[in-house]
Full PDB file with SEQRES, HELIX, SHEET, SSBOND, CRYST1, ORIGX, SCALE, CONECT and MASTER records, all heavy atoms in Angstrom:
SEQRES   1 A   34  THR THR PRO ILE PHE MET VAL GLY ALA ALA THR LEU ALA          
SEQRES   2 A   34  ILE PHE ALA ALA LEU THR ALA TYR VAL PHE ILE THR ARG          
SEQRES   3 A   34  LYS ASP PHE SER PHE MET ARG GLY                              
HELIX    1 AA1 THR A    2  THR A   25  1                                  24    
HELIX    2 AA2 SER A   30  MET A   32  5                                   3    
CRYST1    1.000    1.000    1.000  90.00  90.00  90.00 P 1           1          
ORIGX1      1.000000  0.000000  0.000000        0.00000                         
ORIGX2      0.000000  1.000000  0.000000        0.00000                         
ORIGX3      0.000000  0.000000  1.000000        0.00000                         
SCALE1      1.000000  0.000000  0.000000        0.00000                         
SCALE2      0.000000  1.000000  0.000000        0.00000                         
SCALE3      0.000000  0.000000  1.000000        0.00000                         
ATOM      1  N   THR A   1     -15.592  34.059  -8.776  1.00  0.00           N  
ATOM      2  CA  THR A   1     -15.514  34.440  -7.382  1.00  0.00           C  
ATOM      3  C   THR A   1     -15.812  33.356  -6.400  1.00  0.00           C  
ATOM      4  O   THR A   1     -15.168  33.200  -5.330  1.00  0.00           O  
ATOM      5  CB  THR A   1     -16.454  35.604  -7.085  1.00  0.00           C  
ATOM      6  OG1 THR A   1     -16.102  36.752  -7.939  1.00  0.00           O  
ATOM      7  CG2 THR A   1     -16.297  36.092  -5.690  1.00  0.00           C  
ATOM      8  N   THR A   2     -16.792  32.505  -6.681  1.00  0.00           N  
ATOM      9  CA  THR A   2     -17.203  31.519  -5.719  1.00  0.00           C  
ATOM     10  C   THR A   2     -16.103  30.524  -5.360  1.00  0.00           C  
ATOM     11  O   THR A   2     -15.923  30.283  -4.128  1.00  0.00           O  
ATOM     12  CB  THR A   2     -18.434  30.713  -6.300  1.00  0.00           C  
ATOM     13  OG1 THR A   2     -19.585  31.598  -6.566  1.00  0.00           O  
ATOM     14  CG2 THR A   2     -18.891  29.696  -5.262  1.00  0.00           C  
ATOM     15  N   PRO A   3     -15.326  29.983  -6.279  1.00  0.00           N  
ATOM     16  CA  PRO A   3     -14.238  29.101  -5.832  1.00  0.00           C  
ATOM     17  C   PRO A   3     -13.141  29.801  -4.978  1.00  0.00           C  
ATOM     18  O   PRO A   3     -12.624  29.113  -4.126  1.00  0.00           O  
ATOM     19  CB  PRO A   3     -13.569  28.659  -7.221  1.00  0.00           C  
ATOM     20  CG  PRO A   3     -14.742  28.872  -8.212  1.00  0.00           C  
ATOM     21  CD  PRO A   3     -15.488  30.041  -7.773  1.00  0.00           C  
ATOM     22  N   ILE A   4     -13.009  31.101  -5.201  1.00  0.00           N  
ATOM     23  CA  ILE A   4     -12.043  31.763  -4.300  1.00  0.00           C  
ATOM     24  C   ILE A   4     -12.560  31.840  -2.885  1.00  0.00           C  
ATOM     25  O   ILE A   4     -11.815  31.576  -1.914  1.00  0.00           O  
ATOM     26  CB  ILE A   4     -11.855  33.228  -4.854  1.00  0.00           C  
ATOM     27  CG1 ILE A   4     -11.114  33.183  -6.226  1.00  0.00           C  
ATOM     28  CG2 ILE A   4     -10.942  34.031  -3.908  1.00  0.00           C  
ATOM     29  CD1 ILE A   4     -11.001  34.579  -6.835  1.00  0.00           C  
ATOM     30  N   PHE A   5     -13.810  32.112  -2.717  1.00  0.00           N  
ATOM     31  CA  PHE A   5     -14.449  32.077  -1.376  1.00  0.00           C  
ATOM     32  C   PHE A   5     -14.367  30.654  -0.787  1.00  0.00           C  
ATOM     33  O   PHE A   5     -14.190  30.516   0.434  1.00  0.00           O  
ATOM     34  CB  PHE A   5     -15.839  32.575  -1.473  1.00  0.00           C  
ATOM     35  CG  PHE A   5     -16.081  34.054  -1.411  1.00  0.00           C  
ATOM     36  CD1 PHE A   5     -16.509  34.695  -2.568  1.00  0.00           C  
ATOM     37  CD2 PHE A   5     -15.633  34.808  -0.401  1.00  0.00           C  
ATOM     38  CE1 PHE A   5     -16.645  36.054  -2.638  1.00  0.00           C  
ATOM     39  CE2 PHE A   5     -15.758  36.216  -0.437  1.00  0.00           C  
ATOM     40  CZ  PHE A   5     -16.224  36.792  -1.563  1.00  0.00           C  
ATOM     41  N   MET A   6     -14.568  29.635  -1.603  1.00  0.00           N  
ATOM     42  CA  MET A   6     -14.483  28.359  -1.120  1.00  0.00           C  
ATOM     43  C   MET A   6     -13.109  27.998  -0.609  1.00  0.00           C  
ATOM     44  O   MET A   6     -12.848  27.267   0.415  1.00  0.00           O  
ATOM     45  CB  MET A   6     -14.948  27.317  -2.219  1.00  0.00           C  
ATOM     46  CG  MET A   6     -16.428  27.450  -2.547  1.00  0.00           C  
ATOM     47  SD  MET A   6     -16.975  26.333  -3.894  1.00  0.00           S  
ATOM     48  CE  MET A   6     -16.586  24.735  -3.145  1.00  0.00           C  
ATOM     49  N   VAL A   7     -12.101  28.360  -1.382  1.00  0.00           N  
ATOM     50  CA  VAL A   7     -10.665  28.101  -0.970  1.00  0.00           C  
ATOM     51  C   VAL A   7     -10.354  28.883   0.304  1.00  0.00           C  
ATOM     52  O   VAL A   7      -9.749  28.396   1.293  1.00  0.00           O  
ATOM     53  CB  VAL A   7      -9.730  28.609  -2.093  1.00  0.00           C  
ATOM     54  CG1 VAL A   7      -8.250  28.686  -1.575  1.00  0.00           C  
ATOM     55  CG2 VAL A   7      -9.833  27.639  -3.269  1.00  0.00           C  
ATOM     56  N   GLY A   8     -10.926  30.146   0.477  1.00  0.00           N  
ATOM     57  CA  GLY A   8     -10.778  30.947   1.713  1.00  0.00           C  
ATOM     58  C   GLY A   8     -11.329  30.238   2.820  1.00  0.00           C  
ATOM     59  O   GLY A   8     -10.767  30.151   3.899  1.00  0.00           O  
ATOM     60  N   ALA A   9     -12.512  29.612   2.705  1.00  0.00           N  
ATOM     61  CA  ALA A   9     -13.234  28.937   3.750  1.00  0.00           C  
ATOM     62  C   ALA A   9     -12.458  27.696   4.120  1.00  0.00           C  
ATOM     63  O   ALA A   9     -12.313  27.408   5.345  1.00  0.00           O  
ATOM     64  CB  ALA A   9     -14.681  28.570   3.319  1.00  0.00           C  
ATOM     65  N   ALA A  10     -11.932  26.953   3.122  1.00  0.00           N  
ATOM     66  CA  ALA A  10     -11.105  25.862   3.445  1.00  0.00           C  
ATOM     67  C   ALA A  10      -9.907  26.130   4.122  1.00  0.00           C  
ATOM     68  O   ALA A  10      -9.457  25.456   5.080  1.00  0.00           O  
ATOM     69  CB  ALA A  10     -10.780  25.108   2.091  1.00  0.00           C  
ATOM     70  N   THR A  11      -9.281  27.251   3.741  1.00  0.00           N  
ATOM     71  CA  THR A  11      -8.032  27.684   4.480  1.00  0.00           C  
ATOM     72  C   THR A  11      -8.350  27.983   5.907  1.00  0.00           C  
ATOM     73  O   THR A  11      -7.512  27.569   6.785  1.00  0.00           O  
ATOM     74  CB  THR A  11      -7.422  29.004   3.816  1.00  0.00           C  
ATOM     75  OG1 THR A  11      -7.159  28.702   2.449  1.00  0.00           O  
ATOM     76  CG2 THR A  11      -6.257  29.398   4.494  1.00  0.00           C  
ATOM     77  N   LEU A  12      -9.421  28.687   6.211  1.00  0.00           N  
ATOM     78  CA  LEU A  12      -9.777  28.994   7.567  1.00  0.00           C  
ATOM     79  C   LEU A  12     -10.068  27.731   8.342  1.00  0.00           C  
ATOM     80  O   LEU A  12      -9.791  27.576   9.581  1.00  0.00           O  
ATOM     81  CB  LEU A  12     -10.976  29.945   7.637  1.00  0.00           C  
ATOM     82  CG  LEU A  12     -10.698  31.383   7.218  1.00  0.00           C  
ATOM     83  CD1 LEU A  12     -12.005  32.232   7.136  1.00  0.00           C  
ATOM     84  CD2 LEU A  12      -9.625  31.973   8.085  1.00  0.00           C  
ATOM     85  N   ALA A  13     -10.771  26.766   7.676  1.00  0.00           N  
ATOM     86  CA  ALA A  13     -11.054  25.503   8.341  1.00  0.00           C  
ATOM     87  C   ALA A  13      -9.818  24.719   8.749  1.00  0.00           C  
ATOM     88  O   ALA A  13      -9.722  24.180   9.847  1.00  0.00           O  
ATOM     89  CB  ALA A  13     -11.941  24.620   7.394  1.00  0.00           C  
ATOM     90  N   ILE A  14      -8.790  24.639   7.859  1.00  0.00           N  
ATOM     91  CA  ILE A  14      -7.533  24.007   8.150  1.00  0.00           C  
ATOM     92  C   ILE A  14      -6.926  24.685   9.268  1.00  0.00           C  
ATOM     93  O   ILE A  14      -6.328  24.120  10.212  1.00  0.00           O  
ATOM     94  CB  ILE A  14      -6.708  23.938   6.862  1.00  0.00           C  
ATOM     95  CG1 ILE A  14      -7.305  23.009   5.867  1.00  0.00           C  
ATOM     96  CG2 ILE A  14      -5.316  23.445   7.224  1.00  0.00           C  
ATOM     97  CD1 ILE A  14      -6.565  23.067   4.511  1.00  0.00           C  
ATOM     98  N   PHE A  15      -6.825  26.013   9.272  1.00  0.00           N  
ATOM     99  CA  PHE A  15      -6.142  26.825  10.272  1.00  0.00           C  
ATOM    100  C   PHE A  15      -6.839  26.590  11.607  1.00  0.00           C  
ATOM    101  O   PHE A  15      -6.198  26.357  12.687  1.00  0.00           O  
ATOM    102  CB  PHE A  15      -6.274  28.302   9.957  1.00  0.00           C  
ATOM    103  CG  PHE A  15      -5.672  29.165  10.996  1.00  0.00           C  
ATOM    104  CD1 PHE A  15      -4.281  29.481  10.979  1.00  0.00           C  
ATOM    105  CD2 PHE A  15      -6.513  29.824  12.057  1.00  0.00           C  
ATOM    106  CE1 PHE A  15      -3.721  30.351  11.927  1.00  0.00           C  
ATOM    107  CE2 PHE A  15      -5.949  30.676  12.922  1.00  0.00           C  
ATOM    108  CZ  PHE A  15      -4.601  30.901  12.869  1.00  0.00           C  
ATOM    109  N   ALA A  16      -8.204  26.504  11.647  1.00  0.00           N  
ATOM    110  CA  ALA A  16      -8.947  26.256  12.866  1.00  0.00           C  
ATOM    111  C   ALA A  16      -8.621  24.732  13.457  1.00  0.00           C  
ATOM    112  O   ALA A  16      -8.495  24.651  14.636  1.00  0.00           O  
ATOM    113  CB  ALA A  16     -10.449  26.447  12.654  1.00  0.00           C  
ATOM    114  N   ALA A  17      -8.620  23.821  12.496  1.00  0.00           N  
ATOM    115  CA  ALA A  17      -8.321  22.492  12.923  1.00  0.00           C  
ATOM    116  C   ALA A  17      -6.889  22.367  13.574  1.00  0.00           C  
ATOM    117  O   ALA A  17      -6.699  21.695  14.612  1.00  0.00           O  
ATOM    118  CB  ALA A  17      -8.474  21.544  11.750  1.00  0.00           C  
ATOM    119  N   LEU A  18      -5.897  22.979  12.880  1.00  0.00           N  
ATOM    120  CA  LEU A  18      -4.523  22.908  13.449  1.00  0.00           C  
ATOM    121  C   LEU A  18      -4.374  23.683  14.758  1.00  0.00           C  
ATOM    122  O   LEU A  18      -3.758  23.196  15.672  1.00  0.00           O  
ATOM    123  CB  LEU A  18      -3.583  23.468  12.456  1.00  0.00           C  
ATOM    124  CG  LEU A  18      -3.359  22.697  11.079  1.00  0.00           C  
ATOM    125  CD1 LEU A  18      -2.566  23.504  10.096  1.00  0.00           C  
ATOM    126  CD2 LEU A  18      -2.773  21.369  11.381  1.00  0.00           C  
ATOM    127  N   THR A  19      -5.122  24.818  14.889  1.00  0.00           N  
ATOM    128  CA  THR A  19      -5.100  25.528  16.114  1.00  0.00           C  
ATOM    129  C   THR A  19      -5.776  24.776  17.248  1.00  0.00           C  
ATOM    130  O   THR A  19      -5.218  24.711  18.335  1.00  0.00           O  
ATOM    131  CB  THR A  19      -5.885  26.893  15.922  1.00  0.00           C  
ATOM    132  OG1 THR A  19      -5.321  27.672  14.890  1.00  0.00           O  
ATOM    133  CG2 THR A  19      -5.895  27.639  17.216  1.00  0.00           C  
ATOM    134  N   ALA A  20      -6.856  24.138  16.939  1.00  0.00           N  
ATOM    135  CA  ALA A  20      -7.516  23.298  17.922  1.00  0.00           C  
ATOM    136  C   ALA A  20      -6.574  22.099  18.407  1.00  0.00           C  
ATOM    137  O   ALA A  20      -6.568  21.812  19.606  1.00  0.00           O  
ATOM    138  CB  ALA A  20      -8.837  22.768  17.356  1.00  0.00           C  
ATOM    139  N   TYR A  21      -5.900  21.580  17.486  1.00  0.00           N  
ATOM    140  CA  TYR A  21      -5.047  20.424  17.859  1.00  0.00           C  
ATOM    141  C   TYR A  21      -3.943  20.873  18.859  1.00  0.00           C  
ATOM    142  O   TYR A  21      -3.694  20.210  19.767  1.00  0.00           O  
ATOM    143  CB  TYR A  21      -4.406  19.897  16.552  1.00  0.00           C  
ATOM    144  CG  TYR A  21      -3.366  18.804  16.892  1.00  0.00           C  
ATOM    145  CD1 TYR A  21      -3.692  17.502  17.154  1.00  0.00           C  
ATOM    146  CD2 TYR A  21      -1.916  19.057  16.863  1.00  0.00           C  
ATOM    147  CE1 TYR A  21      -2.750  16.493  17.459  1.00  0.00           C  
ATOM    148  CE2 TYR A  21      -1.027  18.121  17.119  1.00  0.00           C  
ATOM    149  CZ  TYR A  21      -1.422  16.835  17.403  1.00  0.00           C  
ATOM    150  OH  TYR A  21      -0.510  15.881  17.702  1.00  0.00           O  
ATOM    151  N   VAL A  22      -3.289  22.037  18.589  1.00  0.00           N  
ATOM    152  CA  VAL A  22      -2.329  22.533  19.483  1.00  0.00           C  
ATOM    153  C   VAL A  22      -2.972  22.942  20.789  1.00  0.00           C  
ATOM    154  O   VAL A  22      -2.351  22.586  21.858  1.00  0.00           O  
ATOM    155  CB  VAL A  22      -1.680  23.817  18.855  1.00  0.00           C  
ATOM    156  CG1 VAL A  22      -0.641  24.416  19.896  1.00  0.00           C  
ATOM    157  CG2 VAL A  22      -0.956  23.459  17.542  1.00  0.00           C  
ATOM    158  N   PHE A  23      -4.144  23.503  20.868  1.00  0.00           N  
ATOM    159  CA  PHE A  23      -4.727  23.929  22.081  1.00  0.00           C  
ATOM    160  C   PHE A  23      -5.141  22.739  22.878  1.00  0.00           C  
ATOM    161  O   PHE A  23      -5.122  22.701  24.143  1.00  0.00           O  
ATOM    162  CB  PHE A  23      -5.905  24.858  21.860  1.00  0.00           C  
ATOM    163  CG  PHE A  23      -5.515  26.292  21.771  1.00  0.00           C  
ATOM    164  CD1 PHE A  23      -4.860  26.842  20.660  1.00  0.00           C  
ATOM    165  CD2 PHE A  23      -5.796  27.124  22.818  1.00  0.00           C  
ATOM    166  CE1 PHE A  23      -4.531  28.124  20.569  1.00  0.00           C  
ATOM    167  CE2 PHE A  23      -5.452  28.551  22.757  1.00  0.00           C  
ATOM    168  CZ  PHE A  23      -4.855  28.992  21.655  1.00  0.00           C  
ATOM    169  N   ILE A  24      -5.635  21.723  22.247  1.00  0.00           N  
ATOM    170  CA  ILE A  24      -6.118  20.525  22.957  1.00  0.00           C  
ATOM    171  C   ILE A  24      -4.900  19.693  23.500  1.00  0.00           C  
ATOM    172  O   ILE A  24      -4.878  19.272  24.722  1.00  0.00           O  
ATOM    173  CB  ILE A  24      -6.987  19.622  22.007  1.00  0.00           C  
ATOM    174  CG1 ILE A  24      -8.272  20.364  21.716  1.00  0.00           C  
ATOM    175  CG2 ILE A  24      -7.249  18.294  22.695  1.00  0.00           C  
ATOM    176  CD1 ILE A  24      -9.115  19.676  20.676  1.00  0.00           C  
ATOM    177  N   THR A  25      -3.923  19.458  22.695  1.00  0.00           N  
ATOM    178  CA  THR A  25      -2.758  18.670  23.044  1.00  0.00           C  
ATOM    179  C   THR A  25      -1.793  19.408  23.905  1.00  0.00           C  
ATOM    180  O   THR A  25      -0.995  18.892  24.593  1.00  0.00           O  
ATOM    181  CB  THR A  25      -2.060  18.041  21.842  1.00  0.00           C  
ATOM    182  OG1 THR A  25      -1.479  19.130  21.095  1.00  0.00           O  
ATOM    183  CG2 THR A  25      -3.039  17.209  21.023  1.00  0.00           C  
ATOM    184  N   ARG A  26      -1.748  20.809  23.738  1.00  0.00           N  
ATOM    185  CA  ARG A  26      -0.798  21.683  24.365  1.00  0.00           C  
ATOM    186  C   ARG A  26       0.630  21.253  24.083  1.00  0.00           C  
ATOM    187  O   ARG A  26       1.538  21.562  24.837  1.00  0.00           O  
ATOM    188  CB  ARG A  26      -1.058  21.730  25.808  1.00  0.00           C  
ATOM    189  CG  ARG A  26      -2.456  22.109  26.179  1.00  0.00           C  
ATOM    190  CD  ARG A  26      -2.646  22.482  27.696  1.00  0.00           C  
ATOM    191  NE  ARG A  26      -1.990  23.695  28.003  1.00  0.00           N  
ATOM    192  CZ  ARG A  26      -2.413  24.855  27.802  1.00  0.00           C  
ATOM    193  NH1 ARG A  26      -3.659  25.014  27.252  1.00  0.00           N  
ATOM    194  NH2 ARG A  26      -1.790  26.003  28.110  1.00  0.00           N  
ATOM    195  N   LYS A  27       0.936  20.767  22.929  1.00  0.00           N  
ATOM    196  CA  LYS A  27       2.254  20.410  22.503  1.00  0.00           C  
ATOM    197  C   LYS A  27       2.998  21.717  22.170  1.00  0.00           C  
ATOM    198  O   LYS A  27       2.513  22.624  21.620  1.00  0.00           O  
ATOM    199  CB  LYS A  27       2.209  19.425  21.313  1.00  0.00           C  
ATOM    200  CG  LYS A  27       1.757  18.027  21.689  1.00  0.00           C  
ATOM    201  CD  LYS A  27       1.887  17.145  20.471  1.00  0.00           C  
ATOM    202  CE  LYS A  27       1.361  15.669  20.833  1.00  0.00           C  
ATOM    203  NZ  LYS A  27       1.558  14.757  19.692  1.00  0.00           N  
ATOM    204  N   ASP A  28       4.332  21.579  22.403  1.00  0.00           N  
ATOM    205  CA  ASP A  28       5.252  22.615  21.989  1.00  0.00           C  
ATOM    206  C   ASP A  28       5.948  22.305  20.778  1.00  0.00           C  
ATOM    207  O   ASP A  28       6.742  21.374  20.701  1.00  0.00           O  
ATOM    208  CB  ASP A  28       6.300  22.903  23.189  1.00  0.00           C  
ATOM    209  CG  ASP A  28       7.085  24.100  22.929  1.00  0.00           C  
ATOM    210  OD1 ASP A  28       7.097  24.685  21.790  1.00  0.00           O  
ATOM    211  OD2 ASP A  28       7.784  24.484  23.909  1.00  0.00           O  
ATOM    212  N   PHE A  29       5.622  23.029  19.647  1.00  0.00           N  
ATOM    213  CA  PHE A  29       6.265  22.798  18.364  1.00  0.00           C  
ATOM    214  C   PHE A  29       7.429  23.688  18.045  1.00  0.00           C  
ATOM    215  O   PHE A  29       7.869  23.789  16.914  1.00  0.00           O  
ATOM    216  CB  PHE A  29       5.239  22.892  17.300  1.00  0.00           C  
ATOM    217  CG  PHE A  29       4.205  21.756  17.275  1.00  0.00           C  
ATOM    218  CD1 PHE A  29       3.024  21.898  17.957  1.00  0.00           C  
ATOM    219  CD2 PHE A  29       4.409  20.609  16.581  1.00  0.00           C  
ATOM    220  CE1 PHE A  29       2.006  20.888  17.995  1.00  0.00           C  
ATOM    221  CE2 PHE A  29       3.418  19.487  16.601  1.00  0.00           C  
ATOM    222  CZ  PHE A  29       2.322  19.723  17.298  1.00  0.00           C  
ATOM    223  N   SER A  30       8.041  24.308  19.077  1.00  0.00           N  
ATOM    224  CA  SER A  30       9.123  25.172  18.818  1.00  0.00           C  
ATOM    225  C   SER A  30      10.332  24.463  18.236  1.00  0.00           C  
ATOM    226  O   SER A  30      11.188  25.122  17.622  1.00  0.00           O  
ATOM    227  CB  SER A  30       9.523  25.924  20.100  1.00  0.00           C  
ATOM    228  OG  SER A  30       9.891  25.017  21.145  1.00  0.00           O  
ATOM    229  N   PHE A  31      10.409  23.085  18.422  1.00  0.00           N  
ATOM    230  CA  PHE A  31      11.511  22.411  17.958  1.00  0.00           C  
ATOM    231  C   PHE A  31      11.516  22.347  16.424  1.00  0.00           C  
ATOM    232  O   PHE A  31      12.530  21.994  15.758  1.00  0.00           O  
ATOM    233  CB  PHE A  31      11.423  20.928  18.432  1.00  0.00           C  
ATOM    234  CG  PHE A  31      10.234  20.182  17.879  1.00  0.00           C  
ATOM    235  CD1 PHE A  31      10.293  19.412  16.755  1.00  0.00           C  
ATOM    236  CD2 PHE A  31       9.025  20.129  18.608  1.00  0.00           C  
ATOM    237  CE1 PHE A  31       9.261  18.742  16.213  1.00  0.00           C  
ATOM    238  CE2 PHE A  31       7.970  19.477  18.162  1.00  0.00           C  
ATOM    239  CZ  PHE A  31       7.989  18.738  17.004  1.00  0.00           C  
ATOM    240  N   MET A  32      10.380  22.764  15.799  1.00  0.00           N  
ATOM    241  CA  MET A  32      10.311  22.737  14.328  1.00  0.00           C  
ATOM    242  C   MET A  32      10.945  23.882  13.682  1.00  0.00           C  
ATOM    243  O   MET A  32      11.026  23.928  12.426  1.00  0.00           O  
ATOM    244  CB  MET A  32       8.763  22.692  13.913  1.00  0.00           C  
ATOM    245  CG  MET A  32       8.007  21.460  14.340  1.00  0.00           C  
ATOM    246  SD  MET A  32       6.214  21.579  13.992  1.00  0.00           S  
ATOM    247  CE  MET A  32       6.246  21.832  12.254  1.00  0.00           C  
ATOM    248  N   ARG A  33      11.328  24.898  14.454  1.00  0.00           N  
ATOM    249  CA  ARG A  33      11.789  26.184  13.818  1.00  0.00           C  
ATOM    250  C   ARG A  33      12.929  25.899  12.888  1.00  0.00           C  
ATOM    251  O   ARG A  33      12.941  26.399  11.726  1.00  0.00           O  
ATOM    252  CB  ARG A  33      12.341  27.044  14.908  1.00  0.00           C  
ATOM    253  CG  ARG A  33      12.770  28.426  14.332  1.00  0.00           C  
ATOM    254  CD  ARG A  33      13.308  29.379  15.369  1.00  0.00           C  
ATOM    255  NE  ARG A  33      13.666  30.623  14.797  1.00  0.00           N  
ATOM    256  CZ  ARG A  33      14.230  31.658  15.412  1.00  0.00           C  
ATOM    257  NH1 ARG A  33      14.534  31.462  16.672  1.00  0.00           N  
ATOM    258  NH2 ARG A  33      14.481  32.789  14.825  1.00  0.00           N  
ATOM    259  N   GLY A  34      14.021  25.080  13.260  1.00  0.00           N  
ATOM    260  CA  GLY A  34      15.091  24.924  12.344  1.00  0.00           C  
ATOM    261  C   GLY A  34      14.756  24.264  11.013  1.00  0.00           C  
ATOM    262  O   GLY A  34      15.175  24.637   9.959  1.00  0.00           O  
TER     263      GLY A  34                                                      
MASTER        0    0    0    2    0    0    0    6  262    1    0    3          
END                                                                             
């Protein structure tokens, strides 16, 4: 169970970091859709 929780925590950390990057830079990544 412990490694699963660690992977979950790492996933949330990566999500938070990417979210912070977008909010700080305010870049529009809609061009990536295609």
